[in-house]
Amino acid sequence: MECRSLEITVTSAKDLKDVKLFGKMDVYCVVSLEGDGYNSKQKQKTGVHKDSGPDPVWNFPMKFTIDDVAAQQNRSKLKFKLKAERDDGR
């Protein structure tokens, strides 16, 4: 099985809906590579941008290992999920 590296940089998000009633949101991004023959699911996350509000900035580099065949057959998906950290740190 031939594999290669996929390197991305999660830079920022703009105009997110504010889901916090008081104060500014603490936002992070979870990126997952799914449906890949090499590894069924790889997941990484950025650091939390404290008090970012609706416009967080990370400039966070990530590196995934991707199966060449799965990529050529369009079986791989790169998903970005934005999350706001709760006040209790979760």
PDB file of N, CA and C in Angstrom:
ATOM      1  N   MET A   1       0.851  -1.179   0.000  1.00  0.00           N
ATOM      2  CA  MET A   1       0.000   0.000   0.000  1.00  0.00           C
ATOM      3  C   MET A   1       0.897   1.242   0.000  1.00  0.00           C
ATOM      4  N   GLU A   2       0.719   2.085  -1.001  1.00  0.00           N
ATOM      5  CA  GLU A   2       1.485   3.322  -1.122  1.00  0.00           C
ATOM      6  C   GLU A   2       0.811   4.429  -0.316  1.00  0.00           C
ATOM      7  N   CYS A   3       1.597   5.145   0.466  1.00  0.00           N
ATOM      8  CA  CYS A   3       1.076   6.238   1.279  1.00  0.00           C
ATOM      9  C   CYS A   3       1.905   7.487   1.048  1.00  0.00           C
ATOM     10  N   ARG A   4       1.305   8.608   1.333  1.00  0.00           N
ATOM     11  CA  ARG A   4       2.021   9.879   1.256  1.00  0.00           C
ATOM     12  C   ARG A   4       1.499  10.807   2.335  1.00  0.00           C
ATOM     13  N   SER A   5       2.227  11.872   2.561  1.00  0.00           N
ATOM     14  CA  SER A   5       1.832  12.857   3.568  1.00  0.00           C
ATOM     15  C   SER A   5       0.922  13.906   2.950  1.00  0.00           C
ATOM     16  N   LEU A   6      -0.055  14.315   3.710  1.00  0.00           N
ATOM     17  CA  LEU A   6      -0.926  15.428   3.350  1.00  0.00           C
ATOM     18  C   LEU A   6      -0.720  16.488   4.426  1.00  0.00           C
ATOM     19  N   GLU A   7      -0.170  17.626   4.035  1.00  0.00           N
ATOM     20  CA  GLU A   7       0.097  18.698   4.982  1.00  0.00           C
ATOM     21  C   GLU A   7      -0.844  19.863   4.709  1.00  0.00           C
ATOM     22  N   ILE A   8      -1.513  20.320   5.764  1.00  0.00           N
ATOM     23  CA  ILE A   8      -2.433  21.454   5.655  1.00  0.00           C
ATOM     24  C   ILE A   8      -2.115  22.446   6.774  1.00  0.00           C
ATOM     25  N   THR A   9      -2.615  23.654   6.624  1.00  0.00           N
ATOM     26  CA  THR A   9      -2.560  24.639   7.697  1.00  0.00           C
ATOM     27  C   THR A   9      -3.968  25.175   7.897  1.00  0.00           C
ATOM     28  N   VAL A  10      -4.492  25.010   9.104  1.00  0.00           N
ATOM     29  CA  VAL A  10      -5.805  25.556   9.449  1.00  0.00           C
ATOM     30  C   VAL A  10      -5.544  27.005   9.847  1.00  0.00           C
ATOM     31  N   THR A  11      -6.008  27.932   9.031  1.00  0.00           N
ATOM     32  CA  THR A  11      -5.653  29.335   9.242  1.00  0.00           C
ATOM     33  C   THR A  11      -6.633  30.078  10.148  1.00  0.00           C
ATOM     34  N   SER A  12      -7.910  30.152   9.754  1.00  0.00           N
ATOM     35  CA  SER A  12      -8.848  30.981  10.505  1.00  0.00           C
ATOM     36  C   SER A  12     -10.283  30.663  10.107  1.00  0.00           C
ATOM     37  N   ALA A  13     -11.211  31.307  10.807  1.00  0.00           N
ATOM     38  CA  ALA A  13     -12.634  31.249  10.458  1.00  0.00           C
ATOM     39  C   ALA A  13     -13.181  32.670  10.605  1.00  0.00           C
ATOM     40  N   LYS A  14     -14.242  32.966   9.889  1.00  0.00           N
ATOM     41  CA  LYS A  14     -14.816  34.319   9.917  1.00  0.00           C
ATOM     42  C   LYS A  14     -16.319  34.262  10.141  1.00  0.00           C
ATOM     43  N   ASP A  15     -16.815  35.230  10.881  1.00  0.00           N
ATOM     44  CA  ASP A  15     -18.255  35.456  11.062  1.00  0.00           C
ATOM     45  C   ASP A  15     -19.002  34.237  11.593  1.00  0.00           C
ATOM     46  N   LEU A  16     -18.437  33.552  12.588  1.00  0.00           N
ATOM     47  CA  LEU A  16     -19.130  32.420  13.199  1.00  0.00           C
ATOM     48  C   LEU A  16     -20.294  32.923  14.044  1.00  0.00           C
ATOM     49  N   LYS A  17     -21.314  32.104  14.164  1.00  0.00           N
ATOM     50  CA  LYS A  17     -22.443  32.441  15.028  1.00  0.00           C
ATOM     51  C   LYS A  17     -21.968  32.385  16.478  1.00  0.00           C
ATOM     52  N   ASP A  18     -22.233  33.435  17.240  1.00  0.00           N
ATOM     53  CA  ASP A  18     -21.814  33.495  18.642  1.00  0.00           C
ATOM     54  C   ASP A  18     -22.753  32.639  19.484  1.00  0.00           C
ATOM     55  N   VAL A  19     -22.219  31.572  20.065  1.00  0.00           N
ATOM     56  CA  VAL A  19     -23.043  30.646  20.844  1.00  0.00           C
ATOM     57  C   VAL A  19     -22.861  30.845  22.346  1.00  0.00           C
ATOM     58  N   LYS A  20     -22.116  31.859  22.727  1.00  0.00           N
ATOM     59  CA  LYS A  20     -21.853  32.109  24.144  1.00  0.00           C
ATOM     60  C   LYS A  20     -22.650  33.332  24.588  1.00  0.00           C
ATOM     61  N   LEU A  21     -23.388  33.199  25.691  1.00  0.00           N
ATOM     62  CA  LEU A  21     -24.223  34.299  26.161  1.00  0.00           C
ATOM     63  C   LEU A  21     -23.406  35.441  26.754  1.00  0.00           C
ATOM     64  N   PHE A  22     -22.352  35.106  27.512  1.00  0.00           N
ATOM     65  CA  PHE A  22     -21.531  36.124  28.170  1.00  0.00           C
ATOM     66  C   PHE A  22     -20.074  35.939  27.769  1.00  0.00           C
ATOM     67  N   GLY A  23     -19.405  37.021  27.447  1.00  0.00           N
ATOM     68  CA  GLY A  23     -18.000  36.949  27.060  1.00  0.00           C
ATOM     69  C   GLY A  23     -17.848  36.504  25.617  1.00  0.00           C
ATOM     70  N   LYS A  24     -16.592  36.295  25.227  1.00  0.00           N
ATOM     71  CA  LYS A  24     -16.297  35.878  23.856  1.00  0.00           C
ATOM     72  C   LYS A  24     -16.072  34.374  23.788  1.00  0.00           C
ATOM     73  N   MET A  25     -16.318  33.807  22.623  1.00  0.00           N
ATOM     74  CA  MET A  25     -16.136  32.366  22.427  1.00  0.00           C
ATOM     75  C   MET A  25     -14.655  32.001  22.413  1.00  0.00           C
ATOM     76  N   ASP A  26     -14.364  30.779  22.879  1.00  0.00           N
ATOM     77  CA  ASP A  26     -13.040  30.169  22.802  1.00  0.00           C
ATOM     78  C   ASP A  26     -13.159  29.043  21.783  1.00  0.00           C
ATOM     79  N   VAL A  27     -12.666  29.265  20.566  1.00  0.00           N
ATOM     80  CA  VAL A  27     -12.949  28.370  19.440  1.00  0.00           C
ATOM     81  C   VAL A  27     -11.715  27.551  19.056  1.00  0.00           C
ATOM     82  N   TYR A  28     -11.967  26.286  18.677  1.00  0.00           N
ATOM     83  CA  TYR A  28     -10.920  25.429  18.119  1.00  0.00           C
ATOM     84  C   TYR A  28     -11.503  24.634  16.962  1.00  0.00           C
ATOM     85  N   CYS A  29     -10.636  24.008  16.180  1.00  0.00           N
ATOM     86  CA  CYS A  29     -11.062  23.263  14.999  1.00  0.00           C
ATOM     87  C   CYS A  29     -10.558  21.829  15.096  1.00  0.00           C
ATOM     88  N   VAL A  30     -11.447  20.877  14.844  1.00  0.00           N
ATOM     89  CA  VAL A  30     -11.088  19.461  14.795  1.00  0.00           C
ATOM     90  C   VAL A  30     -11.106  19.047  13.324  1.00  0.00           C
ATOM     91  N   VAL A  31      -9.994  18.499  12.849  1.00  0.00           N
ATOM     92  CA  VAL A  31      -9.875  18.067  11.457  1.00  0.00           C
ATOM     93  C   VAL A  31      -9.702  16.560  11.448  1.00  0.00           C
ATOM     94  N   SER A  32     -10.510  15.868  10.640  1.00  0.00           N
ATOM     95  CA  SER A  32     -10.394  14.411  10.554  1.00  0.00           C
ATOM     96  C   SER A  32     -10.302  13.973   9.097  1.00  0.00           C
ATOM     97  N   LEU A  33      -9.513  12.930   8.883  1.00  0.00           N
ATOM     98  CA  LEU A  33      -9.383  12.290   7.578  1.00  0.00           C
ATOM     99  C   LEU A  33     -10.083  10.951   7.698  1.00  0.00           C
ATOM    100  N   GLU A  34     -11.140  10.745   6.907  1.00  0.00           N
ATOM    101  CA  GLU A  34     -11.964   9.539   7.019  1.00  0.00           C
ATOM    102  C   GLU A  34     -12.033   8.795   5.701  1.00  0.00           C
ATOM    103  N   GLY A  35     -12.354   7.495   5.797  1.00  0.00           N
ATOM    104  CA  GLY A  35     -12.562   6.674   4.613  1.00  0.00           C
ATOM    105  C   GLY A  35     -11.292   6.297   3.907  1.00  0.00           C
ATOM    106  N   ASP A  36     -10.180   6.423   4.584  1.00  0.00           N
ATOM    107  CA  ASP A  36      -8.880   6.143   4.002  1.00  0.00           C
ATOM    108  C   ASP A  36      -8.499   4.701   4.315  1.00  0.00           C
ATOM    109  N   GLY A  37      -7.990   3.972   3.341  1.00  0.00           N
ATOM    110  CA  GLY A  37      -7.619   2.582   3.542  1.00  0.00           C
ATOM    111  C   GLY A  37      -6.462   2.387   4.492  1.00  0.00           C
ATOM    112  N   TYR A  38      -5.586   3.387   4.614  1.00  0.00           N
ATOM    113  CA  TYR A  38      -4.403   3.280   5.467  1.00  0.00           C
ATOM    114  C   TYR A  38      -4.785   3.262   6.940  1.00  0.00           C
ATOM    115  N   ASN A  39      -5.632   4.167   7.321  1.00  0.00           N
ATOM    116  CA  ASN A  39      -6.027   4.317   8.713  1.00  0.00           C
ATOM    117  C   ASN A  39      -7.473   4.779   8.676  1.00  0.00           C
ATOM    118  N   SER A  40      -8.382   4.024   9.280  1.00  0.00           N
ATOM    119  CA  SER A  40      -9.804   4.297   9.106  1.00  0.00           C
ATOM    120  C   SER A  40     -10.194   5.720   9.502  1.00  0.00           C
ATOM    121  N   LYS A  41      -9.533   6.296  10.511  1.00  0.00           N
ATOM    122  CA  LYS A  41      -9.852   7.678  10.878  1.00  0.00           C
ATOM    123  C   LYS A  41      -8.668   8.291  11.624  1.00  0.00           C
ATOM    124  N   GLN A  42      -8.189   9.389  11.087  1.00  0.00           N
ATOM    125  CA  GLN A  42      -7.146  10.160  11.753  1.00  0.00           C
ATOM    126  C   GLN A  42      -7.771  11.482  12.170  1.00  0.00           C
ATOM    127  N   LYS A  43      -7.426  11.958  13.370  1.00  0.00           N
ATOM    128  CA  LYS A  43      -8.043  13.178  13.879  1.00  0.00           C
ATOM    129  C   LYS A  43      -6.988  14.028  14.586  1.00  0.00           C
ATOM    130  N   GLN A  44      -7.057  15.335  14.350  1.00  0.00           N
ATOM    131  CA  GLN A  44      -6.183  16.294  15.025  1.00  0.00           C
ATOM    132  C   GLN A  44      -6.991  17.543  15.336  1.00  0.00           C
ATOM    133  N   LYS A  45      -6.521  18.328  16.312  1.00  0.00           N
ATOM    134  CA  LYS A  45      -7.220  19.579  16.610  1.00  0.00           C
ATOM    135  C   LYS A  45      -6.229  20.707  16.847  1.00  0.00           C
ATOM    136  N   THR A  46      -6.704  21.904  16.558  1.00  0.00           N
ATOM    137  CA  THR A  46      -5.899  23.099  16.787  1.00  0.00           C
ATOM    138  C   THR A  46      -5.901  23.410  18.277  1.00  0.00           C
ATOM    139  N   GLY A  47      -5.104  24.370  18.648  1.00  0.00           N
ATOM    140  CA  GLY A  47      -5.214  24.909  19.993  1.00  0.00           C
ATOM    141  C   GLY A  47      -6.470  25.762  20.083  1.00  0.00           C
ATOM    142  N   VAL A  48      -6.860  26.109  21.286  1.00  0.00           N
ATOM    143  CA  VAL A  48      -8.038  26.948  21.498  1.00  0.00           C
ATOM    144  C   VAL A  48      -7.628  28.411  21.361  1.00  0.00           C
ATOM    145  N   HIS A  49      -8.369  29.159  20.540  1.00  0.00           N
ATOM    146  CA  HIS A  49      -8.146  30.605  20.449  1.00  0.00           C
ATOM    147  C   HIS A  49      -9.050  31.251  21.493  1.00  0.00           C
ATOM    148  N   LYS A  50      -8.462  31.617  22.611  1.00  0.00           N
ATOM    149  CA  LYS A  50      -9.212  32.205  23.730  1.00  0.00           C
ATOM    150  C   LYS A  50      -9.756  33.576  23.351  1.00  0.00           C
ATOM    151  N   ASP A  51     -10.987  33.824  23.746  1.00  0.00           N
ATOM    152  CA  ASP A  51     -11.656  35.113  23.513  1.00  0.00           C
ATOM    153  C   ASP A  51     -11.616  35.558  22.056  1.00  0.00           C
ATOM    154  N   SER A  52     -11.708  34.604  21.147  1.00  0.00           N
ATOM    155  CA  SER A  52     -11.630  34.928  19.716  1.00  0.00           C
ATOM    156  C   SER A  52     -12.913  35.535  19.186  1.00  0.00           C
ATOM    157  N   GLY A  53     -14.023  35.244  19.853  1.00  0.00           N
ATOM    158  CA  GLY A  53     -15.292  35.695  19.314  1.00  0.00           C
ATOM    159  C   GLY A  53     -15.580  34.981  18.007  1.00  0.00           C
ATOM    160  N   PRO A  54     -16.226  35.661  17.045  1.00  0.00           N
ATOM    161  CA  PRO A  54     -16.634  35.002  15.800  1.00  0.00           C
ATOM    162  C   PRO A  54     -15.529  34.872  14.744  1.00  0.00           C
ATOM    163  N   ASP A  55     -14.314  35.363  15.045  1.00  0.00           N
ATOM    164  CA  ASP A  55     -13.240  35.373  14.043  1.00  0.00           C
ATOM    165  C   ASP A  55     -11.930  34.776  14.586  1.00  0.00           C
ATOM    166  N   PRO A  56     -11.904  33.477  14.892  1.00  0.00           N
ATOM    167  CA  PRO A  56     -10.680  32.874  15.433  1.00  0.00           C
ATOM    168  C   PRO A  56      -9.578  32.748  14.378  1.00  0.00           C
ATOM    169  N   VAL A  57      -8.334  32.815  14.848  1.00  0.00           N
ATOM    170  CA  VAL A  57      -7.157  32.636  13.992  1.00  0.00           C
ATOM    171  C   VAL A  57      -6.248  31.614  14.666  1.00  0.00           C
ATOM    172  N   TRP A  58      -5.791  30.612  13.896  1.00  0.00           N
ATOM    173  CA  TRP A  58      -4.914  29.578  14.452  1.00  0.00           C
ATOM    174  C   TRP A  58      -3.563  29.500  13.737  1.00  0.00           C
ATOM    175  N   ASN A  59      -3.553  29.480  12.420  1.00  0.00           N
ATOM    176  CA  ASN A  59      -2.338  29.227  11.631  1.00  0.00           C
ATOM    177  C   ASN A  59      -1.632  27.984  12.150  1.00  0.00           C
ATOM    178  N   PHE A  60      -2.392  26.895  12.243  1.00  0.00           N
ATOM    179  CA  PHE A  60      -1.949  25.656  12.881  1.00  0.00           C
ATOM    180  C   PHE A  60      -1.655  24.591  11.818  1.00  0.00           C
ATOM    181  N   PRO A  61      -0.396  24.162  11.688  1.00  0.00           N
ATOM    182  CA  PRO A  61      -0.061  23.132  10.689  1.00  0.00           C
ATOM    183  C   PRO A  61      -0.459  21.738  11.170  1.00  0.00           C
ATOM    184  N   MET A  62      -0.903  20.904  10.240  1.00  0.00           N
ATOM    185  CA  MET A  62      -1.258  19.511  10.524  1.00  0.00           C
ATOM    186  C   MET A  62      -0.699  18.623   9.425  1.00  0.00           C
ATOM    187  N   LYS A  63      -0.424  17.377   9.782  1.00  0.00           N
ATOM    188  CA  LYS A  63       0.108  16.420   8.814  1.00  0.00           C
ATOM    189  C   LYS A  63      -0.634  15.095   8.974  1.00  0.00           C
ATOM    190  N   PHE A  64      -1.187  14.612   7.868  1.00  0.00           N
ATOM    191  CA  PHE A  64      -1.900  13.340   7.839  1.00  0.00           C
ATOM    192  C   PHE A  64      -1.176  12.388   6.890  1.00  0.00           C
ATOM    193  N   THR A  65      -1.365  11.090   7.099  1.00  0.00           N
ATOM    194  CA  THR A  65      -0.864  10.079   6.170  1.00  0.00           C
ATOM    195  C   THR A  65      -2.055   9.563   5.387  1.00  0.00           C
ATOM    196  N   ILE A  66      -1.953   9.615   4.062  1.00  0.00           N
ATOM    197  CA  ILE A  66      -3.085   9.257   3.211  1.00  0.00           C
ATOM    198  C   ILE A  66      -2.687   8.137   2.254  1.00  0.00           C
ATOM    199  N   ASP A  67      -3.612   7.225   2.034  1.00  0.00           N
ATOM    200  CA  ASP A  67      -3.415   6.115   1.101  1.00  0.00           C
ATOM    201  C   ASP A  67      -3.645   6.624  -0.322  1.00  0.00           C
ATOM    202  N   ASP A  68      -2.675   6.399  -1.203  1.00  0.00           N
ATOM    203  CA  ASP A  68      -2.774   6.880  -2.588  1.00  0.00           C
ATOM    204  C   ASP A  68      -4.000   6.342  -3.314  1.00  0.00           C
ATOM    205  N   VAL A  69      -4.266   5.053  -3.188  1.00  0.00           N
ATOM    206  CA  VAL A  69      -5.386   4.431  -3.904  1.00  0.00           C
ATOM    207  C   VAL A  69      -6.717   5.011  -3.425  1.00  0.00           C
ATOM    208  N   ALA A  70      -6.887   5.137  -2.119  1.00  0.00           N
ATOM    209  CA  ALA A  70      -8.132   5.694  -1.581  1.00  0.00           C
ATOM    210  C   ALA A  70      -8.337   7.129  -2.065  1.00  0.00           C
ATOM    211  N   ALA A  71      -7.270   7.898  -2.125  1.00  0.00           N
ATOM    212  CA  ALA A  71      -7.374   9.284  -2.594  1.00  0.00           C
ATOM    213  C   ALA A  71      -7.739   9.334  -4.074  1.00  0.00           C
ATOM    214  N   GLN A  72      -7.108   8.481  -4.890  1.00  0.00           N
ATOM    215  CA  GLN A  72      -7.388   8.465  -6.328  1.00  0.00           C
ATOM    216  C   GLN A  72      -8.807   8.005  -6.629  1.00  0.00           C
ATOM    217  N   GLN A  73      -9.372   7.164  -5.753  1.00  0.00           N
ATOM    218  CA  GLN A  73     -10.735   6.666  -5.956  1.00  0.00           C
ATOM    219  C   GLN A  73     -11.772   7.523  -5.235  1.00  0.00           C
ATOM    220  N   ASN A  74     -11.364   8.693  -4.753  1.00  0.00           N
ATOM    221  CA  ASN A  74     -12.276   9.620  -4.065  1.00  0.00           C
ATOM    222  C   ASN A  74     -12.933   9.005  -2.836  1.00  0.00           C
ATOM    223  N   ARG A  75     -12.216   8.169  -2.108  1.00  0.00           N
ATOM    224  CA  ARG A  75     -12.778   7.541  -0.911  1.00  0.00           C
ATOM    225  C   ARG A  75     -12.356   8.249   0.374  1.00  0.00           C
ATOM    226  N   SER A  76     -11.523   9.247   0.274  1.00  0.00           N
ATOM    227  CA  SER A  76     -11.044   9.968   1.456  1.00  0.00           C
ATOM    228  C   SER A  76     -11.806  11.274   1.615  1.00  0.00           C
ATOM    229  N   LYS A  77     -12.120  11.612   2.877  1.00  0.00           N
ATOM    230  CA  LYS A  77     -12.814  12.864   3.178  1.00  0.00           C
ATOM    231  C   LYS A  77     -12.028  13.597   4.248  1.00  0.00           C
ATOM    232  N   LEU A  78     -11.824  14.872   4.038  1.00  0.00           N
ATOM    233  CA  LEU A  78     -11.199  15.723   5.029  1.00  0.00           C
ATOM    234  C   LEU A  78     -12.307  16.588   5.615  1.00  0.00           C
ATOM    235  N   LYS A  79     -12.581  16.422   6.914  1.00  0.00           N
ATOM    236  CA  LYS A  79     -13.675  17.150   7.566  1.00  0.00           C
ATOM    237  C   LYS A  79     -13.122  18.163   8.555  1.00  0.00           C
ATOM    238  N   PHE A  80     -13.731  19.338   8.563  1.00  0.00           N
ATOM    239  CA  PHE A  80     -13.379  20.399   9.501  1.00  0.00           C
ATOM    240  C   PHE A  80     -14.595  20.651  10.383  1.00  0.00           C
ATOM    241  N   LYS A  81     -14.422  20.542  11.687  1.00  0.00           N
ATOM    242  CA  LYS A  81     -15.519  20.793  12.620  1.00  0.00           C
ATOM    243  C   LYS A  81     -15.066  21.876  13.597  1.00  0.00           C
ATOM    244  N   LEU A  82     -15.809  22.980  13.644  1.00  0.00           N
ATOM    245  CA  LEU A  82     -15.490  24.079  14.550  1.00  0.00           C
ATOM    246  C   LEU A  82     -16.257  23.895  15.845  1.00  0.00           C
ATOM    247  N   LYS A  83     -15.552  24.081  16.961  1.00  0.00           N
ATOM    248  CA  LYS A  83     -16.174  23.898  18.270  1.00  0.00           C
ATOM    249  C   LYS A  83     -15.813  25.065  19.175  1.00  0.00           C
ATOM    250  N   ALA A  84     -16.731  25.379  20.089  1.00  0.00           N
ATOM    251  CA  ALA A  84     -16.482  26.404  21.104  1.00  0.00           C
ATOM    252  C   ALA A  84     -16.283  25.695  22.437  1.00  0.00           C
ATOM    253  N   GLU A  85     -15.171  26.009  23.099  1.00  0.00           N
ATOM    254  CA  GLU A  85     -14.888  25.406  24.397  1.00  0.00           C
ATOM    255  C   GLU A  85     -15.887  25.936  25.417  1.00  0.00           C
ATOM    256  N   ARG A  86     -16.351  25.042  26.259  1.00  0.00           N
ATOM    257  CA  ARG A  86     -17.294  25.444  27.298  1.00  0.00           C
ATOM    258  C   ARG A  86     -16.547  26.125  28.437  1.00  0.00           C
ATOM    259  N   ASP A  87     -17.289  26.807  29.297  1.00  0.00           N
ATOM    260  CA  ASP A  87     -16.669  27.519  30.422  1.00  0.00           C
ATOM    261  C   ASP A  87     -15.940  26.585  31.378  1.00  0.00           C
ATOM    262  N   ASP A  88     -16.336  25.303  31.407  1.00  0.00           N
ATOM    263  CA  ASP A  88     -15.673  24.347  32.301  1.00  0.00           C
ATOM    264  C   ASP A  88     -14.463  23.687  31.632  1.00  0.00           C
ATOM    265  N   GLY A  89     -14.031  24.206  30.465  1.00  0.00           N
ATOM    266  CA  GLY A  89     -12.828  23.722  29.802  1.00  0.00           C
ATOM    267  C   GLY A  89     -13.019  22.558  28.862  1.00  0.00           C
ATOM    268  N   ARG A  90     -14.250  22.151  28.589  1.00  0.00           N
ATOM    269  CA  ARG A  90     -14.502  21.032  27.668  1.00  0.00           C
ATOM    270  C   ARG A  90     -14.877  21.538  26.305  1.00  0.00           C
TER     271      ARG A  90
END
